[in-house]
């Protein structure tokens, strides 16, 4: 019986923890304190529910308990006001604080709307540019993904104390920088939204193609990124780039089952069995892309990448891929969000649309690009183009360089197989 109750608590917490932390943070204006108070509510549930039975609305019980803890915290702060300068802010927060009883449907709707605003504030605070990328990812997975420190450490193949330290430092940095718990407005919103989307896509990409270790993918991270992206799309429905990112992740995630063979070896895009692509995720992705396009905003990086992914999704076979369209989209992406990696991807598309010599002409200047010196896919793309041009010895050397650069064991196997294949085609 206790085991079933604990499983229920864990499931409810995974779904509701972000909303609870967000609602508490609005009252106490400190993410670290908010998380502690939310955890207090979780501990209370672990103590009470096995004895008293499950409440009628478990999520509401946790929310109300956490908000009561927040009210107690604010009262203690007010009592100690002689030692603090924030007495006015404390009184304002206390006056604004109302613990919902969720007994009235209208009250529930109002509270849900307020929680939606709180979640937006939490997302923008956890992804604040004052934090480094690693800290933003760890804090976002903890607060919005509901992952434990151990789960985050396991996903990124780093020691648990390292992740714990990142999270503690991130919360301290936010507090010391006095980052306001709010959604930025005007030009600040556009700038800060980019940071939020970047964090979510970083999480997705680490799940989609792991940077190191023995696993080609970590689907749990993809799932968390998708969940956060969908949530953000609901909270910010008029931001085209949010829908663009969701579209991109949905379509890329649709390929998950086809990206490995029965032995777990990677299967690259051109060789995938497209019948194994998830048609529901593709439909969801195309619908999100249509929403982004319908808003009439200038195309941004994520929308353009989603349109590229859609070109692949619409091709029933690899041979039917509209590479001319993809090359044109990469040219536009280079204008909107120029980077060496985008240029490398453009080289692939141009190589498919106009022949390997045209692709190699784009790759060769990139070989001197400092930012790509340790990037394994640069020599991998070079090797592919050289092999198609009938230059197997050079192709083999390029694939071997790619294998030496990668930290992912499965990726290394792919590169070495390509090197061996180029060797067997020599002469």
Protein backbone atom coordinates (compact mmCIF):
# COMPACT_ATOMS: atom_id res chain seq x y z
CA UNK A 1 0.00 0.00 0.00
CA UNK A 2 2.74 2.44 1.00
CA UNK A 3 4.63 1.64 -2.18
CA UNK A 4 1.60 2.56 -4.33
CA UNK A 5 1.14 5.82 -2.41
CA UNK A 6 4.82 6.69 -2.81
CA UNK A 7 4.58 5.97 -6.56
CA UNK A 8 1.59 8.31 -6.78
CA UNK A 9 3.43 11.03 -4.88
CA UNK A 10 6.43 10.68 -7.20
CA UNK A 11 4.22 10.89 -10.29
CA UNK A 12 2.28 13.92 -9.04
CA UNK A 13 5.49 15.64 -7.98
CA UNK A 14 7.11 15.11 -11.38
CA UNK A 15 4.15 16.77 -13.08
CA UNK A 16 3.37 19.51 -10.56
CA UNK A 17 6.70 20.47 -8.97
CA UNK A 18 7.45 23.27 -11.44
CA UNK A 19 4.04 24.85 -10.91
CA UNK A 20 4.41 24.63 -7.14
CA UNK A 21 7.92 26.10 -7.09
CA UNK A 22 6.78 28.86 -9.45
CA UNK A 23 3.76 29.77 -7.35
CA UNK A 24 5.84 29.87 -4.16
CA UNK A 25 8.64 31.84 -5.84
CA UNK A 26 6.18 34.60 -6.75
CA UNK A 27 5.46 35.03 -3.03
CA UNK A 28 8.97 34.75 -1.61
CA UNK A 29 10.87 36.09 -4.66
CA UNK A 30 13.75 33.66 -4.18
CA UNK A 31 14.02 30.45 -6.24
CA UNK A 32 16.23 28.69 -3.68
CA UNK A 33 13.82 29.37 -0.82
CA UNK A 34 10.84 28.48 -3.04
CA UNK A 35 12.33 25.09 -3.89
CA UNK A 36 13.00 24.36 -0.19
CA UNK A 37 9.43 25.23 0.77
CA UNK A 38 8.04 23.11 -2.08
CA UNK A 39 10.23 20.23 -0.90
CA UNK A 40 8.77 20.70 2.60
CA UNK A 41 5.32 20.12 1.10
CA UNK A 42 6.61 16.97 -0.61
CA UNK A 43 8.00 15.68 2.70
CA UNK A 44 4.65 16.41 4.36
CA UNK A 45 2.91 14.34 1.68
CA UNK A 46 5.33 11.46 2.18
CA UNK A 47 4.55 11.55 5.91
CA UNK A 48 0.81 12.11 5.78
CA UNK A 49 -0.60 10.36 2.72
CA UNK A 50 0.42 6.80 3.69
CA UNK A 51 -1.43 7.34 7.00
CA UNK A 52 -4.40 9.48 5.91
CA UNK A 53 -4.87 8.15 2.39
CA UNK A 54 -4.63 10.05 -0.89
CA UNK A 55 -6.38 13.44 -0.89
CA UNK A 56 -9.14 14.02 -3.41
CA UNK A 57 -6.93 16.43 -5.38
CA UNK A 58 -3.28 15.55 -4.69
CA UNK A 59 -1.85 18.41 -6.74
CA UNK A 60 -4.03 20.97 -4.96
CA UNK A 61 -3.03 19.51 -1.58
CA UNK A 62 0.67 19.92 -2.42
CA UNK A 63 0.13 23.44 -3.75
CA UNK A 64 -1.84 24.59 -0.71
CA UNK A 65 0.66 23.05 1.71
CA UNK A 66 3.58 24.72 -0.07
CA UNK A 67 1.83 28.10 -0.12
CA UNK A 68 1.10 27.81 3.59
CA UNK A 69 4.78 27.12 4.16
CA UNK A 70 5.51 30.25 2.11
CA UNK A 71 3.15 32.31 4.25
CA UNK A 72 4.88 31.08 7.41
CA UNK A 73 8.24 31.95 5.89
CA UNK A 74 7.09 35.48 5.06
CA UNK A 75 5.73 35.98 8.58
CA UNK A 76 9.07 34.95 10.06
CA UNK A 77 10.83 37.37 7.73
CA UNK A 78 8.48 40.14 8.80
CA UNK A 79 9.14 39.41 12.47
CA UNK A 80 12.88 39.69 11.78
CA UNK A 81 12.41 42.90 9.83
CA UNK A 82 14.62 44.89 12.20
CA UNK A 83 17.55 42.98 10.75
CA UNK A 84 16.45 43.42 7.12
CA UNK A 85 15.77 46.25 4.72
CA UNK A 86 12.99 44.50 2.78
CA UNK A 87 10.17 45.07 5.27
CA UNK A 88 8.02 46.86 2.72
CA UNK A 89 8.43 44.07 0.18
CA UNK A 90 7.57 41.47 2.81
CA UNK A 91 4.37 43.27 3.81
CA UNK A 92 3.38 43.65 0.15
CA UNK A 93 3.94 39.95 -0.46
CA UNK A 94 1.94 39.03 2.64
CA UNK A 95 -0.95 41.24 1.59
CA UNK A 96 -0.92 39.77 -1.92
CA UNK A 97 -0.82 36.23 -0.59
CA UNK A 98 -4.05 34.25 -0.73
CA UNK A 99 -4.02 30.50 -0.19
CA UNK A 100 -6.56 28.99 -2.61
CA UNK A 101 -8.93 26.34 -1.29
CA UNK A 102 -9.78 25.21 -4.85
CA UNK A 103 -13.41 24.75 -3.80
CA UNK A 104 -14.85 27.03 -6.47
CA UNK A 105 -14.39 26.39 -10.19
CA UNK A 106 -13.86 30.10 -10.95
CA UNK A 107 -11.20 30.26 -8.21
CA UNK A 108 -9.50 27.24 -9.76
CA UNK A 109 -9.50 28.86 -13.20
CA UNK A 110 -8.08 32.09 -11.81
CA UNK A 111 -5.40 30.18 -9.92
CA UNK A 112 -4.48 28.20 -13.05
CA UNK A 113 -4.06 31.46 -14.98
CA UNK A 114 -1.87 32.83 -12.19
CA UNK A 115 0.18 29.62 -12.14
CA UNK A 116 0.70 29.94 -15.89
CA UNK A 117 2.15 33.42 -15.34
CA UNK A 118 4.29 32.05 -12.51
CA UNK A 119 5.67 29.28 -14.74
CA UNK A 120 6.69 31.83 -17.34
CA UNK A 121 8.48 33.80 -14.63
CA UNK A 122 10.21 30.63 -13.43
CA UNK A 123 11.36 29.69 -16.95
CA UNK A 124 12.81 33.15 -17.60
CA UNK A 125 14.51 33.24 -14.20
CA UNK A 126 16.07 29.77 -14.43
CA UNK A 127 17.35 30.58 -17.95
CA UNK A 128 18.67 34.03 -17.08
CA UNK A 129 21.83 34.97 -19.04
CA UNK A 130 23.62 35.85 -15.78
CA UNK A 131 24.12 32.07 -15.48
CA UNK A 132 26.45 30.01 -17.64
CA UNK A 133 24.97 27.48 -20.07
CA UNK A 134 25.72 24.44 -17.89
CA UNK A 135 24.16 26.09 -14.83
CA UNK A 136 21.06 27.13 -16.79
CA UNK A 137 20.58 23.59 -18.12
CA UNK A 138 21.01 21.97 -14.68
CA UNK A 139 18.71 24.45 -12.92
CA UNK A 140 16.05 24.20 -15.63
CA UNK A 141 16.04 20.40 -15.54
CA UNK A 142 15.75 20.51 -11.74
CA UNK A 143 13.01 23.13 -11.46
CA UNK A 144 11.03 22.66 -14.67
CA UNK A 145 11.86 19.11 -15.68
CA UNK A 146 11.35 17.74 -12.19
CA UNK A 147 14.54 15.67 -12.48
CA UNK A 148 16.53 14.79 -9.39
CA UNK A 149 20.17 15.81 -9.08
CA UNK A 150 21.13 12.15 -9.59
CA UNK A 151 19.07 11.95 -12.81
CA UNK A 152 20.64 15.11 -14.21
CA UNK A 153 24.13 13.83 -13.35
CA UNK A 154 23.40 10.46 -14.97
CA UNK A 155 22.06 12.12 -18.12
CA UNK A 156 25.14 14.30 -18.54
CA UNK A 157 27.69 11.74 -17.34
CA UNK A 158 29.10 14.01 -14.65
CA UNK A 159 29.43 13.32 -10.90
CA UNK A 160 26.34 14.06 -8.84
CA UNK A 161 28.23 16.49 -6.53
CA UNK A 162 29.21 18.51 -9.63
CA UNK A 163 25.57 18.92 -10.65
CA UNK A 164 24.52 19.72 -7.08
CA UNK A 165 27.21 22.39 -6.91
CA UNK A 166 26.11 23.90 -10.22
CA UNK A 167 22.53 24.16 -8.98
CA UNK A 168 23.50 25.66 -5.61
CA UNK A 169 25.77 28.21 -7.28
CA UNK A 170 23.10 29.06 -9.85
CA UNK A 171 20.53 29.81 -7.16
CA UNK A 172 23.09 31.84 -5.21
CA UNK A 173 24.04 33.80 -8.34
CA UNK A 174 20.41 34.63 -9.07
CA UNK A 175 19.92 35.80 -5.49
CA UNK A 176 23.13 37.86 -5.38
CA UNK A 177 22.37 39.45 -8.77
CA UNK A 178 18.86 40.21 -7.47
CA UNK A 179 17.36 38.82 -10.67
CA UNK A 180 13.67 39.77 -10.51
CA UNK A 181 11.10 36.99 -10.65
CA UNK A 182 9.28 38.36 -13.68
CA UNK A 183 8.69 38.00 -17.39
CA UNK A 184 10.76 40.63 -19.22
CA UNK A 185 8.95 43.12 -21.42
CA UNK A 186 9.57 44.74 -24.81
CA UNK A 187 13.00 44.31 -26.34
CA UNK A 188 14.19 42.49 -23.22
CA UNK A 189 11.59 39.78 -23.84
CA UNK A 190 12.94 39.00 -27.31
CA UNK A 191 16.53 38.89 -26.04
CA UNK A 192 15.71 36.76 -23.00
CA UNK A 193 13.41 34.42 -24.92
CA UNK A 194 16.41 33.41 -26.99
CA UNK A 195 18.17 32.24 -23.83
CA UNK A 196 15.15 30.18 -22.77
CA UNK A 197 14.82 28.49 -26.16
CA UNK A 198 18.57 27.87 -26.27
CA UNK A 199 18.47 26.00 -22.94
CA UNK A 200 15.52 23.84 -23.98
CA UNK A 201 17.17 22.97 -27.30
CA UNK A 202 20.51 22.23 -25.58
CA UNK A 203 18.68 19.71 -23.39
CA UNK A 204 16.95 18.19 -26.41
CA UNK A 205 20.17 17.91 -28.42
CA UNK A 206 22.03 16.21 -25.58
CA UNK A 207 19.24 13.63 -25.55
CA UNK A 208 19.05 13.34 -29.33
CA UNK A 209 22.79 12.76 -29.90
CA UNK A 210 24.72 12.31 -26.66
CA UNK A 211 28.05 14.12 -26.67
CA UNK A 212 29.82 11.33 -24.80
CA UNK A 213 29.42 7.87 -23.29
CA UNK A 214 28.18 4.60 -24.78
CA UNK A 215 24.59 5.61 -25.62
CA UNK A 216 23.76 7.17 -28.99
CA UNK A 217 20.64 8.81 -27.53
CA UNK A 218 19.15 9.66 -24.14
CA UNK A 219 15.40 9.75 -24.92
CA UNK A 220 14.44 10.89 -21.40
CA UNK A 221 16.18 14.23 -22.02
CA UNK A 222 14.37 14.62 -25.35
CA UNK A 223 11.08 13.95 -23.55
CA UNK A 224 11.81 16.59 -20.89
CA UNK A 225 12.78 19.19 -23.51
CA UNK A 226 9.62 18.45 -25.49
CA UNK A 227 7.50 18.74 -22.36
CA UNK A 228 9.04 22.12 -21.52
CA UNK A 229 8.74 23.32 -25.10
CA UNK A 230 5.06 22.40 -25.29
CA UNK A 231 4.45 24.08 -21.94
CA UNK A 232 6.20 27.25 -23.12
CA UNK A 233 4.10 27.24 -26.32
CA UNK A 234 0.95 27.21 -24.21
CA UNK A 235 2.25 30.01 -22.01
CA UNK A 236 3.56 32.17 -24.90
CA UNK A 237 1.23 31.36 -27.83
CA UNK A 238 2.04 34.52 -29.80
CA UNK A 239 5.80 33.89 -30.05
CA UNK A 240 6.54 32.26 -33.41
CA UNK A 241 10.01 31.04 -32.43
CA UNK A 242 8.54 29.05 -29.53
CA UNK A 243 6.27 27.17 -31.95
CA UNK A 244 9.23 26.84 -34.32
CA UNK A 245 11.33 25.14 -31.64
CA UNK A 246 8.46 22.82 -30.68
CA UNK A 247 7.97 21.93 -34.36
CA UNK A 248 11.68 21.21 -34.75
CA UNK A 249 11.82 18.96 -31.67
CA UNK A 250 8.60 17.11 -32.51
CA UNK A 251 9.81 16.27 -36.03
CA UNK A 252 13.31 15.29 -34.91
CA UNK A 253 11.91 13.17 -32.07
CA UNK A 254 9.70 11.35 -34.59
CA UNK A 255 12.83 9.59 -35.91
CA UNK A 256 13.88 8.10 -32.56
CA UNK A 257 12.88 4.48 -33.24
CA UNK A 258 14.59 4.50 -36.65
CA UNK A 259 17.88 6.00 -35.44
CA UNK A 260 19.31 2.73 -34.09
CA UNK A 261 19.38 -0.85 -35.37
CA UNK A 262 18.44 -3.88 -33.20
CA UNK A 263 21.97 -3.97 -31.76
CA UNK A 264 21.84 -0.30 -30.76
CA UNK A 265 24.15 0.90 -33.53
CA UNK A 266 23.32 4.33 -35.00
CA UNK A 267 21.47 4.53 -38.32
CA UNK A 268 22.07 7.83 -40.11
CA UNK A 269 19.23 9.80 -41.69
CA UNK A 270 19.74 8.62 -45.29
CA UNK A 271 19.64 4.97 -44.23
CA UNK A 272 16.68 5.09 -41.84
CA UNK A 273 13.52 3.07 -42.38
CA UNK A 274 11.05 5.93 -42.62
CA UNK A 275 8.13 3.61 -41.94
CA UNK A 276 9.42 3.60 -38.35
CA UNK A 277 9.12 7.36 -38.02
CA UNK A 278 6.36 8.39 -35.59
CA UNK A 279 3.62 9.88 -37.77
CA UNK A 280 1.80 11.41 -34.78
CA UNK A 281 4.88 13.40 -33.78
CA UNK A 282 5.35 14.49 -37.39
CA UNK A 283 1.73 15.71 -37.56
CA UNK A 284 2.20 17.57 -34.27
CA UNK A 285 5.41 19.10 -35.57
CA UNK A 286 3.87 20.22 -38.85
CA UNK A 287 0.93 21.71 -36.94
CA UNK A 288 3.31 23.65 -34.66
CA UNK A 289 5.21 24.86 -37.75
CA UNK A 290 1.94 26.04 -39.30
CA UNK A 291 1.17 27.98 -36.09
CA UNK A 292 4.60 29.64 -36.27
CA UNK A 293 4.08 30.60 -39.92
CA UNK A 294 0.54 31.88 -39.32
CA UNK A 295 1.77 34.48 -36.81
CA UNK A 296 3.39 36.37 -39.70
CA UNK A 297 6.60 37.17 -37.84
CA UNK A 298 9.98 37.19 -39.64
CA UNK A 299 11.37 33.65 -39.75
CA UNK A 300 13.83 32.95 -36.95
CA UNK A 301 16.43 30.27 -36.45
CA UNK A 302 14.15 27.60 -34.96
CA UNK A 303 11.38 28.08 -37.48
CA UNK A 304 13.87 27.77 -40.36
CA UNK A 305 15.37 24.62 -38.83
CA UNK A 306 11.83 23.26 -38.41
CA UNK A 307 11.12 23.93 -42.09
CA UNK A 308 14.27 21.98 -42.96
CA UNK A 309 13.16 19.11 -40.73
CA UNK A 310 9.72 19.24 -42.37
CA UNK A 311 11.33 18.75 -45.80
CA UNK A 312 12.80 15.47 -44.55
CA UNK A 313 9.54 14.47 -42.85
CA UNK A 314 7.52 14.97 -46.05
CA UNK A 315 9.84 12.76 -48.11
CA UNK A 316 8.58 9.17 -48.05
CA UNK A 317 12.03 8.02 -49.19
CA UNK A 318 15.45 9.62 -48.86
CA UNK A 319 15.69 9.90 -52.64
CA UNK A 320 12.59 12.13 -52.67
CA UNK A 321 14.13 14.76 -50.39
CA UNK A 322 13.91 18.31 -51.77
CA UNK A 323 17.58 19.19 -51.32
CA UNK A 324 17.30 22.37 -53.36
CA UNK A 325 14.71 23.67 -50.91
CA UNK A 326 16.84 22.59 -47.95
CA UNK A 327 19.92 24.32 -49.38
CA UNK A 328 17.89 27.51 -49.85
CA UNK A 329 16.61 27.30 -46.26
CA UNK A 330 20.18 26.86 -44.97
CA UNK A 331 21.21 29.92 -46.97
CA UNK A 332 18.44 31.88 -45.21
CA UNK A 333 19.48 30.39 -41.84
CA UNK A 334 23.05 31.53 -42.51
CA UNK A 335 21.73 35.06 -42.93
CA UNK A 336 19.48 34.94 -39.81
CA UNK A 337 21.79 33.03 -37.44
CA UNK A 338 25.25 32.69 -38.97
CA UNK A 339 27.59 30.13 -37.44
CA UNK A 340 30.24 27.66 -38.63
CA UNK A 341 27.96 24.71 -37.81
CA UNK A 342 25.12 26.17 -39.92
CA UNK A 343 27.58 26.69 -42.77
CA UNK A 344 28.71 23.06 -42.44
CA UNK A 345 25.11 21.89 -42.64
CA UNK A 346 24.63 24.11 -45.69
CA UNK A 347 27.61 22.35 -47.26
CA UNK A 348 25.86 19.00 -46.79
CA UNK A 349 22.66 20.31 -48.40
CA UNK A 350 24.52 21.94 -51.30
CA UNK A 351 26.51 18.75 -51.77
CA UNK A 352 23.27 16.80 -52.11
CA UNK A 353 21.56 19.39 -54.30
CA UNK A 354 24.43 20.37 -56.61
CA UNK A 355 26.98 17.59 -56.24
CA UNK A 356 29.83 16.77 -53.83
CA UNK A 357 32.31 19.19 -55.45
CA UNK A 358 30.00 22.12 -54.66
CA UNK A 359 29.65 20.92 -51.08
CA UNK A 360 33.39 20.44 -50.65
CA UNK A 361 34.03 24.00 -51.87
CA UNK A 362 32.05 25.20 -48.82
CA UNK A 363 33.72 22.74 -46.42
CA UNK A 364 37.34 23.52 -47.30
CA UNK A 365 37.38 27.07 -45.83
CA UNK A 366 35.76 25.68 -42.67
CA UNK A 367 38.77 23.42 -42.05
CA UNK A 368 40.64 26.50 -40.79
CA UNK A 369 37.69 27.61 -38.63
CA UNK A 370 38.91 27.67 -35.02
CA UNK A 371 35.45 26.96 -33.58
CA UNK A 372 35.26 23.65 -35.50
CA UNK A 373 38.74 22.29 -34.74
CA UNK A 374 37.36 19.76 -32.23
CA UNK A 375 34.02 19.21 -33.99
CA UNK A 376 33.93 15.59 -35.30
CA UNK A 377 31.23 16.23 -37.89
CA UNK A 378 33.50 18.57 -39.88
CA UNK A 379 35.92 15.83 -40.98
CA UNK A 380 32.95 13.42 -41.20
CA UNK A 381 31.21 15.64 -43.77
CA UNK A 382 34.51 16.17 -45.56
CA UNK A 383 35.03 12.40 -45.68
CA UNK A 384 31.57 11.79 -47.11
CA UNK A 385 32.08 14.36 -49.87
CA UNK A 386 35.56 13.05 -50.69
CA UNK A 387 34.27 9.49 -50.90
CA UNK A 388 31.51 10.56 -53.29
CA UNK A 389 34.14 12.31 -55.41
CA UNK A 390 36.10 9.04 -55.74
CA UNK A 391 38.96 10.04 -53.43
CA UNK A 392 38.87 7.10 -50.96
CA UNK A 393 42.31 7.51 -49.32
CA UNK A 394 41.55 11.13 -48.38
CA UNK A 395 38.05 10.11 -47.28
CA UNK A 396 39.44 7.38 -45.02
CA UNK A 397 41.85 9.84 -43.36
CA UNK A 398 38.99 12.30 -42.77
CA UNK A 399 36.75 9.65 -41.19
CA UNK A 400 39.62 8.53 -38.96
CA UNK A 401 40.11 12.13 -37.79
CA UNK A 402 36.39 12.31 -37.03
CA UNK A 403 36.56 9.08 -35.00
CA UNK A 404 39.49 10.45 -32.99
CA UNK A 405 37.58 13.63 -32.12
CA UNK A 406 34.31 12.17 -30.87
CA UNK A 407 33.68 11.29 -27.22
CA UNK A 408 30.64 9.14 -27.99
CA UNK A 409 31.44 5.45 -28.46
CA UNK A 410 28.55 4.77 -30.86
CA UNK A 411 29.47 7.80 -32.96
CA UNK A 412 33.09 6.61 -33.08
CA UNK A 413 31.94 3.22 -34.36
CA UNK A 414 30.06 4.93 -37.21
CA UNK A 415 33.12 6.96 -38.20
CA UNK A 416 35.41 3.92 -38.14
CA UNK A 417 32.93 1.92 -40.22
CA UNK A 418 32.87 4.73 -42.78
CA UNK A 419 36.70 4.76 -42.80
CA UNK A 420 36.77 1.02 -43.39
CA UNK A 421 34.16 1.35 -46.13
CA UNK A 422 36.19 4.04 -47.88
CA UNK A 423 39.25 1.79 -47.62
CA UNK A 424 37.41 -1.16 -49.18
CA UNK A 425 36.35 1.04 -52.10
CA UNK A 426 39.94 2.12 -52.78
CA UNK A 427 41.21 0.75 -56.08
